[in-house]
């Protein structure tokens, strides 16, 4: 197996796969203990079954080129992402507001 050339699209897809546990709150994935990207990997395409033409196929207009584009096109994922982002920002703002009124300690020598 040859080591593929890492383009920006491939890097973004690998980052999305690495952070897949944070994408779906109902799904559990084992911890990813790898630092950086793998040196050897392959990318494939899913071939649709002709029997599923009317039921479980994605129309050509909705097909995307990369995993990141598919995630950005998914409205449910974007809604979840936006909600989580707002929760984190509200928590950070609450922590920052609490720090403002805290009494500063004086150092003694």
PDB file of N, CA and C in Angstrom:
ATOM      1  N   UNK A   1       0.849  -1.171   0.000  1.00  0.00           N
ATOM      2  CA  UNK A   1       0.000   0.000   0.000  1.00  0.00           C
ATOM      3  C   UNK A   1       0.897   1.236   0.000  1.00  0.00           C
ATOM      4  N   UNK A   2       0.591   2.172  -0.885  1.00  0.00           N
ATOM      5  CA  UNK A   2       1.363   3.410  -0.952  1.00  0.00           C
ATOM      6  C   UNK A   2       0.781   4.441   0.005  1.00  0.00           C
ATOM      7  N   UNK A   3       1.640   5.309   0.482  1.00  0.00           N
ATOM      8  CA  UNK A   3       1.181   6.407   1.334  1.00  0.00           C
ATOM      9  C   UNK A   3       0.565   7.473   0.435  1.00  0.00           C
ATOM     10  N   UNK A   4      -0.716   7.831   0.637  1.00  0.00           N
ATOM     11  CA  UNK A   4      -1.342   8.835  -0.219  1.00  0.00           C
ATOM     12  C   UNK A   4      -0.848  10.238   0.101  1.00  0.00           C
ATOM     13  N   UNK A   5      -1.002  11.111  -0.875  1.00  0.00           N
ATOM     14  CA  UNK A   5      -0.614  12.508  -0.703  1.00  0.00           C
ATOM     15  C   UNK A   5      -1.668  13.206   0.151  1.00  0.00           C
ATOM     16  N   UNK A   6      -1.240  13.883   1.210  1.00  0.00           N
ATOM     17  CA  UNK A   6      -2.181  14.550   2.115  1.00  0.00           C
ATOM     18  C   UNK A   6      -2.533  15.935   1.576  1.00  0.00           C
ATOM     19  N   UNK A   7      -3.726  16.058   1.037  1.00  0.00           N
ATOM     20  CA  UNK A   7      -4.225  17.353   0.583  1.00  0.00           C
ATOM     21  C   UNK A   7      -5.051  17.957   1.714  1.00  0.00           C
ATOM     22  N   UNK A   8      -5.498  19.185   1.537  1.00  0.00           N
ATOM     23  CA  UNK A   8      -6.320  19.844   2.561  1.00  0.00           C
ATOM     24  C   UNK A   8      -7.636  19.098   2.753  1.00  0.00           C
ATOM     25  N   UNK A   9      -8.231  18.615   1.656  1.00  0.00           N
ATOM     26  CA  UNK A   9      -9.494  17.871   1.767  1.00  0.00           C
ATOM     27  C   UNK A   9      -9.306  16.596   2.580  1.00  0.00           C
ATOM     28  N   UNK A  10      -8.229  15.870   2.312  1.00  0.00           N
ATOM     29  CA  UNK A  10      -7.964  14.641   3.061  1.00  0.00           C
ATOM     30  C   UNK A  10      -7.681  14.937   4.528  1.00  0.00           C
ATOM     31  N   UNK A  11      -6.940  15.999   4.804  1.00  0.00           N
ATOM     32  CA  UNK A  11      -6.654  16.360   6.193  1.00  0.00           C
ATOM     33  C   UNK A  11      -7.942  16.688   6.941  1.00  0.00           C
ATOM     34  N   UNK A  12      -8.840  17.442   6.290  1.00  0.00           N
ATOM     35  CA  UNK A  12     -10.105  17.792   6.933  1.00  0.00           C
ATOM     36  C   UNK A  12     -10.967  16.554   7.181  1.00  0.00           C
ATOM     37  N   UNK A  13     -10.979  15.623   6.217  1.00  0.00           N
ATOM     38  CA  UNK A  13     -11.732  14.390   6.414  1.00  0.00           C
ATOM     39  C   UNK A  13     -11.164  13.567   7.561  1.00  0.00           C
ATOM     40  N   UNK A  14      -9.845  13.486   7.655  1.00  0.00           N
ATOM     41  CA  UNK A  14      -9.225  12.724   8.745  1.00  0.00           C
ATOM     42  C   UNK A  14      -9.488  13.382  10.099  1.00  0.00           C
ATOM     43  N   UNK A  15      -9.498  14.717  10.135  1.00  0.00           N
ATOM     44  CA  UNK A  15      -9.833  15.416  11.381  1.00  0.00           C
ATOM     45  C   UNK A  15     -11.273  15.119  11.788  1.00  0.00           C
ATOM     46  N   UNK A  16     -12.181  15.109  10.797  1.00  0.00           N
ATOM     47  CA  UNK A  16     -13.585  14.816  11.087  1.00  0.00           C
ATOM     48  C   UNK A  16     -13.741  13.398  11.617  1.00  0.00           C
ATOM     49  N   UNK A  17     -13.019  12.445  11.041  1.00  0.00           N
ATOM     50  CA  UNK A  17     -13.079  11.071  11.537  1.00  0.00           C
ATOM     51  C   UNK A  17     -12.501  10.958  12.942  1.00  0.00           C
ATOM     52  N   UNK A  18     -11.469  11.728  13.226  1.00  0.00           N
ATOM     53  CA  UNK A  18     -10.855  11.692  14.551  1.00  0.00           C
ATOM     54  C   UNK A  18     -11.806  12.261  15.609  1.00  0.00           C
ATOM     55  N   UNK A  19     -12.600  13.253  15.240  1.00  0.00           N
ATOM     56  CA  UNK A  19     -13.516  13.889  16.194  1.00  0.00           C
ATOM     57  C   UNK A  19     -14.938  13.358  16.069  1.00  0.00           C
ATOM     58  N   UNK A  20     -15.120  12.170  15.519  1.00  0.00           N
ATOM     59  CA  UNK A  20     -16.461  11.653  15.268  1.00  0.00           C
ATOM     60  C   UNK A  20     -17.242  11.396  16.543  1.00  0.00           C
ATOM     61  N   UNK A  21     -16.558  11.201  17.655  1.00  0.00           N
ATOM     62  CA  UNK A  21     -17.266  10.956  18.922  1.00  0.00           C
ATOM     63  C   UNK A  21     -18.033  12.188  19.374  1.00  0.00           C
ATOM     64  N   UNK A  22     -17.570  13.369  19.013  1.00  0.00           N
ATOM     65  CA  UNK A  22     -18.257  14.589  19.429  1.00  0.00           C
ATOM     66  C   UNK A  22     -19.382  14.969  18.479  1.00  0.00           C
ATOM     67  N   UNK A  23     -19.500  14.286  17.366  1.00  0.00           N
ATOM     68  CA  UNK A  23     -20.542  14.628  16.389  1.00  0.00           C
ATOM     69  C   UNK A  23     -21.910  14.099  16.777  1.00  0.00           C
ATOM     70  N   UNK A  24     -21.948  12.895  17.329  1.00  0.00           N
ATOM     71  CA  UNK A  24     -23.218  12.256  17.661  1.00  0.00           C
ATOM     72  C   UNK A  24     -23.246  11.946  19.150  1.00  0.00           C
ATOM     73  N   UNK A  25     -24.118  12.596  19.916  1.00  0.00           N
ATOM     74  CA  UNK A  25     -24.125  12.373  21.363  1.00  0.00           C
ATOM     75  C   UNK A  25     -24.630  10.995  21.766  1.00  0.00           C
ATOM     76  N   UNK A  26     -25.376  10.333  20.924  1.00  0.00           N
ATOM     77  CA  UNK A  26     -25.955   9.034  21.253  1.00  0.00           C
ATOM     78  C   UNK A  26     -25.019   7.872  20.922  1.00  0.00           C
ATOM     79  N   UNK A  27     -23.955   8.138  20.198  1.00  0.00           N
ATOM     80  CA  UNK A  27     -23.061   7.073  19.729  1.00  0.00           C
ATOM     81  C   UNK A  27     -21.765   7.084  20.524  1.00  0.00           C
ATOM     82  N   UNK A  28     -21.279   5.894  20.904  1.00  0.00           N
ATOM     83  CA  UNK A  28     -20.032   5.794  21.650  1.00  0.00           C
ATOM     84  C   UNK A  28     -18.933   5.246  20.751  1.00  0.00           C
ATOM     85  N   UNK A  29     -17.788   5.893  20.762  1.00  0.00           N
ATOM     86  CA  UNK A  29     -16.605   5.416  20.057  1.00  0.00           C
ATOM     87  C   UNK A  29     -15.474   5.298  21.063  1.00  0.00           C
ATOM     88  N   UNK A  30     -14.604   4.318  20.846  1.00  0.00           N
ATOM     89  CA  UNK A  30     -13.440   4.184  21.709  1.00  0.00           C
ATOM     90  C   UNK A  30     -12.549   5.404  21.556  1.00  0.00           C
ATOM     91  N   UNK A  31     -11.721   5.632  22.573  1.00  0.00           N
ATOM     92  CA  UNK A  31     -10.818   6.769  22.545  1.00  0.00           C
ATOM     93  C   UNK A  31      -9.804   6.595  21.412  1.00  0.00           C
ATOM     94  N   UNK A  32      -9.552   7.666  20.693  1.00  0.00           N
ATOM     95  CA  UNK A  32      -8.578   7.634  19.624  1.00  0.00           C
ATOM     96  C   UNK A  32      -7.226   8.012  20.209  1.00  0.00           C
ATOM     97  N   UNK A  33      -6.321   7.041  20.327  1.00  0.00           N
ATOM     98  CA  UNK A  33      -5.037   7.292  20.975  1.00  0.00           C
ATOM     99  C   UNK A  33      -3.925   7.627  19.986  1.00  0.00           C
ATOM    100  N   UNK A  34      -4.261   7.831  18.747  1.00  0.00           N
ATOM    101  CA  UNK A  34      -3.246   8.128  17.738  1.00  0.00           C
ATOM    102  C   UNK A  34      -3.011   9.640  17.670  1.00  0.00           C
ATOM    103  N   UNK A  35      -1.736  10.023  17.681  1.00  0.00           N
ATOM    104  CA  UNK A  35      -1.383  11.428  17.495  1.00  0.00           C
ATOM    105  C   UNK A  35      -1.072  11.646  16.020  1.00  0.00           C
ATOM    106  N   UNK A  36      -1.633  12.674  15.449  1.00  0.00           N
ATOM    107  CA  UNK A  36      -1.383  12.955  14.043  1.00  0.00           C
ATOM    108  C   UNK A  36      -2.200  12.063  13.132  1.00  0.00           C
ATOM    109  N   UNK A  37      -1.834  12.062  11.856  1.00  0.00           N
ATOM    110  CA  UNK A  37      -2.563  11.303  10.859  1.00  0.00           C
ATOM    111  C   UNK A  37      -1.828  10.004  10.554  1.00  0.00           C
ATOM    112  N   UNK A  38      -2.558   8.976  10.133  1.00  0.00           N
ATOM    113  CA  UNK A  38      -1.874   7.742   9.758  1.00  0.00           C
ATOM    114  C   UNK A  38      -1.061   7.938   8.478  1.00  0.00           C
ATOM    115  N   UNK A  39       0.006   7.181   8.356  1.00  0.00           N
ATOM    116  CA  UNK A  39       0.853   7.314   7.174  1.00  0.00           C
ATOM    117  C   UNK A  39       0.250   6.564   5.995  1.00  0.00           C
ATOM    118  N   UNK A  40      -0.285   5.376   6.245  1.00  0.00           N
ATOM    119  CA  UNK A  40      -0.855   4.554   5.184  1.00  0.00           C
ATOM    120  C   UNK A  40      -2.355   4.392   5.413  1.00  0.00           C
ATOM    121  N   UNK A  41      -3.154   4.755   4.442  1.00  0.00           N
ATOM    122  CA  UNK A  41      -4.597   4.554   4.508  1.00  0.00           C
ATOM    123  C   UNK A  41      -5.155   4.595   3.090  1.00  0.00           C
ATOM    124  N   UNK A  42      -6.384   4.133   2.954  1.00  0.00           N
ATOM    125  CA  UNK A  42      -7.048   4.148   1.662  1.00  0.00           C
ATOM    126  C   UNK A  42      -8.415   4.785   1.806  1.00  0.00           C
ATOM    127  N   UNK A  43      -8.852   5.444   0.753  1.00  0.00           N
ATOM    128  CA  UNK A  43     -10.166   6.063   0.692  1.00  0.00           C
ATOM    129  C   UNK A  43     -10.972   5.328  -0.366  1.00  0.00           C
ATOM    130  N   UNK A  44     -12.194   4.976  -0.046  1.00  0.00           N
ATOM    131  CA  UNK A  44     -13.046   4.271  -0.996  1.00  0.00           C
ATOM    132  C   UNK A  44     -14.361   4.998  -1.192  1.00  0.00           C
ATOM    133  N   UNK A  45     -15.140   4.521  -2.129  1.00  0.00           N
ATOM    134  CA  UNK A  45     -16.474   5.073  -2.358  1.00  0.00           C
ATOM    135  C   UNK A  45     -17.494   3.970  -2.144  1.00  0.00           C
ATOM    136  N   UNK A  46     -18.656   4.347  -1.681  1.00  0.00           N
ATOM    137  CA  UNK A  46     -19.735   3.396  -1.452  1.00  0.00           C
ATOM    138  C   UNK A  46     -20.538   3.294  -2.735  1.00  0.00           C
ATOM    139  N   UNK A  47     -20.715   2.078  -3.207  1.00  0.00           N
ATOM    140  CA  UNK A  47     -21.471   1.842  -4.427  1.00  0.00           C
ATOM    141  C   UNK A  47     -22.892   1.477  -4.028  1.00  0.00           C
ATOM    142  N   UNK A  48     -23.875   2.175  -4.606  1.00  0.00           N
ATOM    143  CA  UNK A  48     -25.272   1.926  -4.277  1.00  0.00           C
ATOM    144  C   UNK A  48     -25.741   0.608  -4.862  1.00  0.00           C
ATOM    145  N   UNK A  49     -26.631  -0.032  -4.137  1.00  0.00           N
ATOM    146  CA  UNK A  49     -27.255  -1.260  -4.595  1.00  0.00           C
ATOM    147  C   UNK A  49     -28.408  -0.886  -5.519  1.00  0.00           C
ATOM    148  N   UNK A  50     -28.508  -1.464  -6.714  1.00  0.00           N
ATOM    149  CA  UNK A  50     -29.605  -1.105  -7.623  1.00  0.00           C
ATOM    150  C   UNK A  50     -30.981  -1.449  -7.063  1.00  0.00           C
ATOM    151  N   UNK A  51     -31.054  -2.390  -6.136  1.00  0.00           N
ATOM    152  CA  UNK A  51     -32.350  -2.757  -5.555  1.00  0.00           C
ATOM    153  C   UNK A  51     -32.889  -1.653  -4.645  1.00  0.00           C
ATOM    154  N   UNK A  52     -32.011  -0.814  -4.121  1.00  0.00           N
ATOM    155  CA  UNK A  52     -32.432   0.258  -3.205  1.00  0.00           C
ATOM    156  C   UNK A  52     -32.604   1.586  -3.927  1.00  0.00           C
ATOM    157  N   UNK A  53     -32.975   1.561  -5.163  1.00  0.00           N
ATOM    158  CA  UNK A  53     -33.036   2.797  -5.954  1.00  0.00           C
ATOM    159  C   UNK A  53     -34.038   3.796  -5.376  1.00  0.00           C
ATOM    160  N   UNK A  54     -35.176   3.327  -4.914  1.00  0.00           N
ATOM    161  CA  UNK A  54     -36.216   4.243  -4.439  1.00  0.00           C
ATOM    162  C   UNK A  54     -36.219   4.427  -2.927  1.00  0.00           C
ATOM    163  N   UNK A  55     -35.519   3.596  -2.176  1.00  0.00           N
ATOM    164  CA  UNK A  55     -35.667   3.638  -0.729  1.00  0.00           C
ATOM    165  C   UNK A  55     -34.499   4.301  -0.007  1.00  0.00           C
ATOM    166  N   UNK A  56     -33.326   3.745  -0.115  1.00  0.00           N
ATOM    167  CA  UNK A  56     -32.248   4.209   0.757  1.00  0.00           C
ATOM    168  C   UNK A  56     -31.052   4.758  -0.012  1.00  0.00           C
ATOM    169  N   UNK A  57     -31.294   5.406  -1.104  1.00  0.00           N
ATOM    170  CA  UNK A  57     -30.168   5.996  -1.832  1.00  0.00           C
ATOM    171  C   UNK A  57     -30.213   7.511  -1.700  1.00  0.00           C
ATOM    172  N   UNK A  58     -29.076   8.138  -1.899  1.00  0.00           N
ATOM    173  CA  UNK A  58     -28.983   9.589  -1.839  1.00  0.00           C
ATOM    174  C   UNK A  58     -29.020  10.113  -3.282  1.00  0.00           C
ATOM    175  N   UNK A  59     -29.915  11.039  -3.578  1.00  0.00           N
ATOM    176  CA  UNK A  59     -29.949  11.587  -4.941  1.00  0.00           C
ATOM    177  C   UNK A  59     -28.650  12.307  -5.292  1.00  0.00           C
ATOM    178  N   UNK A  60     -28.356  12.400  -6.563  1.00  0.00           N
ATOM    179  CA  UNK A  60     -27.091  12.993  -7.004  1.00  0.00           C
ATOM    180  C   UNK A  60     -26.942  14.437  -6.546  1.00  0.00           C
ATOM    181  N   UNK A  61     -28.034  15.168  -6.439  1.00  0.00           N
ATOM    182  CA  UNK A  61     -27.962  16.567  -6.000  1.00  0.00           C
ATOM    183  C   UNK A  61     -27.506  16.675  -4.553  1.00  0.00           C
ATOM    184  N   UNK A  62     -27.813  15.669  -3.742  1.00  0.00           N
ATOM    185  CA  UNK A  62     -27.458  15.719  -2.325  1.00  0.00           C
ATOM    186  C   UNK A  62     -26.115  15.073  -2.023  1.00  0.00           C
ATOM    187  N   UNK A  63     -25.487  14.434  -2.986  1.00  0.00           N
ATOM    188  CA  UNK A  63     -24.189  13.805  -2.758  1.00  0.00           C
ATOM    189  C   UNK A  63     -23.108  14.864  -2.671  1.00  0.00           C
ATOM    190  N   UNK A  64     -22.185  14.663  -1.767  1.00  0.00           N
ATOM    191  CA  UNK A  64     -21.091  15.603  -1.567  1.00  0.00           C
ATOM    192  C   UNK A  64     -19.766  14.918  -1.844  1.00  0.00           C
ATOM    193  N   UNK A  65     -18.737  15.728  -2.032  1.00  0.00           N
ATOM    194  CA  UNK A  65     -17.435  15.202  -2.409  1.00  0.00           C
ATOM    195  C   UNK A  65     -16.652  14.670  -1.204  1.00  0.00           C
ATOM    196  N   UNK A  66     -16.767  15.341  -0.051  1.00  0.00           N
ATOM    197  CA  UNK A  66     -15.997  14.946   1.118  1.00  0.00           C
ATOM    198  C   UNK A  66     -16.915  14.780   2.333  1.00  0.00           C
ATOM    199  N   UNK A  67     -16.360  14.212   3.383  1.00  0.00           N
ATOM    200  CA  UNK A  67     -17.107  13.999   4.621  1.00  0.00           C
ATOM    201  C   UNK A  67     -17.471  15.340   5.257  1.00  0.00           C
ATOM    202  N   UNK A  68     -16.552  16.285   5.199  1.00  0.00           N
ATOM    203  CA  UNK A  68     -16.790  17.602   5.808  1.00  0.00           C
ATOM    204  C   UNK A  68     -17.953  18.307   5.108  1.00  0.00           C
ATOM    205  N   UNK A  69     -18.007  18.225   3.790  1.00  0.00           N
ATOM    206  CA  UNK A  69     -19.117  18.843   3.059  1.00  0.00           C
ATOM    207  C   UNK A  69     -20.443  18.189   3.411  1.00  0.00           C
ATOM    208  N   UNK A  70     -20.434  16.872   3.600  1.00  0.00           N
ATOM    209  CA  UNK A  70     -21.662  16.180   3.999  1.00  0.00           C
ATOM    210  C   UNK A  70     -22.120  16.642   5.374  1.00  0.00           C
ATOM    211  N   UNK A  71     -21.185  16.809   6.295  1.00  0.00           N
ATOM    212  CA  UNK A  71     -21.551  17.259   7.638  1.00  0.00           C
ATOM    213  C   UNK A  71     -22.097  18.676   7.620  1.00  0.00           C
ATOM    214  N   UNK A  72     -21.493  19.535   6.824  1.00  0.00           N
ATOM    215  CA  UNK A  72     -21.976  20.914   6.746  1.00  0.00           C
ATOM    216  C   UNK A  72     -23.341  20.999   6.075  1.00  0.00           C
ATOM    217  N   UNK A  73     -23.658  20.059   5.212  1.00  0.00           N
ATOM    218  CA  UNK A  73     -24.963  20.059   4.548  1.00  0.00           C
ATOM    219  C   UNK A  73     -26.047  19.456   5.431  1.00  0.00           C
ATOM    220  N   UNK A  74     -25.670  18.697   6.454  1.00  0.00           N
ATOM    221  CA  UNK A  74     -26.628  18.036   7.338  1.00  0.00           C
ATOM    222  C   UNK A  74     -27.180  19.047   8.337  1.00  0.00           C
ATOM    223  N   UNK A  75     -28.464  19.354   8.231  1.00  0.00           N
ATOM    224  CA  UNK A  75     -29.063  20.387   9.083  1.00  0.00           C
ATOM    225  C   UNK A  75     -29.137  19.943  10.541  1.00  0.00           C
ATOM    226  N   UNK A  76     -29.380  18.661  10.781  1.00  0.00           N
ATOM    227  CA  UNK A  76     -29.465  18.171  12.152  1.00  0.00           C
ATOM    228  C   UNK A  76     -28.117  18.290  12.858  1.00  0.00           C
ATOM    229  N   UNK A  77     -27.048  17.958  12.164  1.00  0.00           N
ATOM    230  CA  UNK A  77     -25.707  18.080  12.729  1.00  0.00           C
ATOM    231  C   UNK A  77     -25.386  19.542  13.012  1.00  0.00           C
ATOM    232  N   UNK A  78     -25.746  20.433  12.094  1.00  0.00           N
ATOM    233  CA  UNK A  78     -25.468  21.860  12.291  1.00  0.00           C
ATOM    234  C   UNK A  78     -26.245  22.413  13.478  1.00  0.00           C
ATOM    235  N   UNK A  79     -27.486  21.975  13.645  1.00  0.00           N
ATOM    236  CA  UNK A  79     -28.299  22.437  14.767  1.00  0.00           C
ATOM    237  C   UNK A  79     -27.673  21.982  16.091  1.00  0.00           C
ATOM    238  N   UNK A  80     -27.247  20.716  16.153  1.00  0.00           N
ATOM    239  CA  UNK A  80     -26.606  20.188  17.360  1.00  0.00           C
ATOM    240  C   UNK A  80     -25.310  20.930  17.641  1.00  0.00           C
ATOM    241  N   UNK A  81     -24.524  21.166  16.599  1.00  0.00           N
ATOM    242  CA  UNK A  81     -23.249  21.862  16.732  1.00  0.00           C
ATOM    243  C   UNK A  81     -23.451  23.286  17.256  1.00  0.00           C
ATOM    244  N   UNK A  82     -24.419  23.983  16.709  1.00  0.00           N
ATOM    245  CA  UNK A  82     -24.698  25.358  17.126  1.00  0.00           C
ATOM    246  C   UNK A  82     -25.145  25.401  18.585  1.00  0.00           C
ATOM    247  N   UNK A  83     -26.006  24.445  18.975  1.00  0.00           N
ATOM    248  CA  UNK A  83     -26.498  24.404  20.353  1.00  0.00           C
ATOM    249  C   UNK A  83     -25.352  24.151  21.327  1.00  0.00           C
ATOM    250  N   UNK A  84     -24.483  23.199  21.007  1.00  0.00           N
ATOM    251  CA  UNK A  84     -23.347  22.905  21.875  1.00  0.00           C
ATOM    252  C   UNK A  84     -22.391  24.090  21.968  1.00  0.00           C
ATOM    253  N   UNK A  85     -22.161  24.763  20.839  1.00  0.00           N
ATOM    254  CA  UNK A  85     -21.276  25.929  20.828  1.00  0.00           C
ATOM    255  C   UNK A  85     -21.835  27.028  21.733  1.00  0.00           C
ATOM    256  N   UNK A  86     -23.141  27.290  21.635  1.00  0.00           N
ATOM    257  CA  UNK A  86     -23.751  28.325  22.476  1.00  0.00           C
ATOM    258  C   UNK A  86     -23.691  27.947  23.961  1.00  0.00           C
ATOM    259  N   UNK A  87     -23.867  26.661  24.272  1.00  0.00           N
ATOM    260  CA  UNK A  87     -23.759  26.227  25.666  1.00  0.00           C
ATOM    261  C   UNK A  87     -22.355  26.457  26.211  1.00  0.00           C
ATOM    262  N   UNK A  88     -21.357  26.129  25.421  1.00  0.00           N
ATOM    263  CA  UNK A  88     -19.968  26.305  25.850  1.00  0.00           C
ATOM    264  C   UNK A  88     -19.641  27.777  26.030  1.00  0.00           C
ATOM    265  N   UNK A  89     -20.093  28.616  25.109  1.00  0.00           N
ATOM    266  CA  UNK A  89     -19.825  30.049  25.207  1.00  0.00           C
ATOM    267  C   UNK A  89     -20.534  30.657  26.420  1.00  0.00           C
ATOM    268  N   UNK A  90     -21.750  30.206  26.717  1.00  0.00           N
ATOM    269  CA  UNK A  90     -22.464  30.711  27.894  1.00  0.00           C
ATOM    270  C   UNK A  90     -21.741  30.290  29.176  1.00  0.00           C
ATOM    271  N   UNK A  91     -21.237  29.068  29.200  1.00  0.00           N
ATOM    272  CA  UNK A  91     -20.499  28.596  30.367  1.00  0.00           C
ATOM    273  C   UNK A  91     -19.213  29.384  30.563  1.00  0.00           C
ATOM    274  N   UNK A  92     -18.510  29.656  29.478  1.00  0.00           N
ATOM    275  CA  UNK A  92     -17.278  30.449  29.570  1.00  0.00           C
ATOM    276  C   UNK A  92     -17.577  31.875  30.027  1.00  0.00           C
ATOM    277  N   UNK A  93     -18.670  32.459  29.534  1.00  0.00           N
ATOM    278  CA  UNK A  93     -19.036  33.808  29.936  1.00  0.00           C
ATOM    279  C   UNK A  93     -19.391  33.853  31.420  1.00  0.00           C
ATOM    280  N   UNK A  94     -20.076  32.814  31.907  1.00  0.00           N
ATOM    281  CA  UNK A  94     -20.429  32.768  33.328  1.00  0.00           C
ATOM    282  C   UNK A  94     -19.173  32.639  34.184  1.00  0.00           C
ATOM    283  N   UNK A  95     -18.225  31.835  33.736  1.00  0.00           N
ATOM    284  CA  UNK A  95     -16.977  31.699  34.485  1.00  0.00           C
ATOM    285  C   UNK A  95     -16.185  33.003  34.475  1.00  0.00           C
ATOM    286  N   UNK A  96     -16.171  33.685  33.347  1.00  0.00           N
ATOM    287  CA  UNK A  96     -15.436  34.943  33.243  1.00  0.00           C
ATOM    288  C   UNK A  96     -16.090  36.023  34.097  1.00  0.00           C
ATOM    289  N   UNK A  97     -17.419  36.026  34.167  1.00  0.00           N
ATOM    290  CA  UNK A  97     -18.116  37.020  34.984  1.00  0.00           C
ATOM    291  C   UNK A  97     -17.829  36.791  36.465  1.00  0.00           C
ATOM    292  N   UNK A  98     -17.697  35.541  36.870  1.00  0.00           N
ATOM    293  CA  UNK A  98     -17.387  35.241  38.261  1.00  0.00           C
ATOM    294  C   UNK A  98     -15.978  35.644  38.640  1.00  0.00           C
ATOM    295  N   UNK A  99     -15.062  35.588  37.710  1.00  0.00           N
ATOM    296  CA  UNK A  99     -13.673  35.944  37.982  1.00  0.00           C
ATOM    297  C   UNK A  99     -13.515  37.445  38.175  1.00  0.00           C
ATOM    298  N   UNK A 100     -14.384  38.213  37.562  1.00  0.00           N
ATOM    299  CA  UNK A 100     -14.266  39.660  37.612  1.00  0.00           C
ATOM    300  C   UNK A 100     -14.464  40.197  39.035  1.00  0.00           C
ATOM    301  N   UNK A 101     -15.350  39.568  39.801  1.00  0.00           N
ATOM    302  CA  UNK A 101     -15.680  40.069  41.118  1.00  0.00           C
ATOM    303  C   UNK A 101     -14.878  39.406  42.241  1.00  0.00           C
ATOM    304  N   UNK A 102     -14.016  38.488  41.894  1.00  0.00           N
ATOM    305  CA  UNK A 102     -13.233  37.800  42.905  1.00  0.00           C
ATOM    306  C   UNK A 102     -12.173  38.734  43.483  1.00  0.00           C
ATOM    307  N   UNK A 103     -11.949  38.615  44.776  1.00  0.00           N
ATOM    308  CA  UNK A 103     -10.958  39.455  45.434  1.00  0.00           C
ATOM    309  C   UNK A 103      -9.563  38.936  45.115  1.00  0.00           C
ATOM    310  N   UNK A 104      -8.674  39.839  44.770  1.00  0.00           N
ATOM    311  CA  UNK A 104      -7.317  39.439  44.433  1.00  0.00           C
ATOM    312  C   UNK A 104      -6.520  39.169  45.692  1.00  0.00           C
ATOM    313  N   UNK A 105      -5.737  38.101  45.647  1.00  0.00           N
ATOM    314  CA  UNK A 105      -4.899  37.752  46.788  1.00  0.00           C
ATOM    315  C   UNK A 105      -3.599  38.517  46.711  1.00  0.00           C
ATOM    316  N   UNK A 106      -3.127  38.946  47.868  1.00  0.00           N
ATOM    317  CA  UNK A 106      -1.846  39.654  47.923  1.00  0.00           C
ATOM    318  C   UNK A 106      -0.768  38.675  48.319  1.00  0.00           C
ATOM    319  N   UNK A 107       0.348  38.774  47.681  1.00  0.00           N
ATOM    320  CA  UNK A 107       1.464  37.894  47.975  1.00  0.00           C
ATOM    321  C   UNK A 107       2.238  38.450  49.167  1.00  0.00           C
ATOM    322  N   UNK A 108       2.626  37.561  50.072  1.00  0.00           N
ATOM    323  CA  UNK A 108       3.437  37.960  51.221  1.00  0.00           C
ATOM    324  C   UNK A 108       4.801  37.297  51.104  1.00  0.00           C
ATOM    325  N   UNK A 109       5.814  38.045  51.382  1.00  0.00           N
ATOM    326  CA  UNK A 109       7.179  37.508  51.359  1.00  0.00           C
ATOM    327  C   UNK A 109       7.676  37.236  52.741  1.00  0.00           C
TER     328      UNK A 109
END
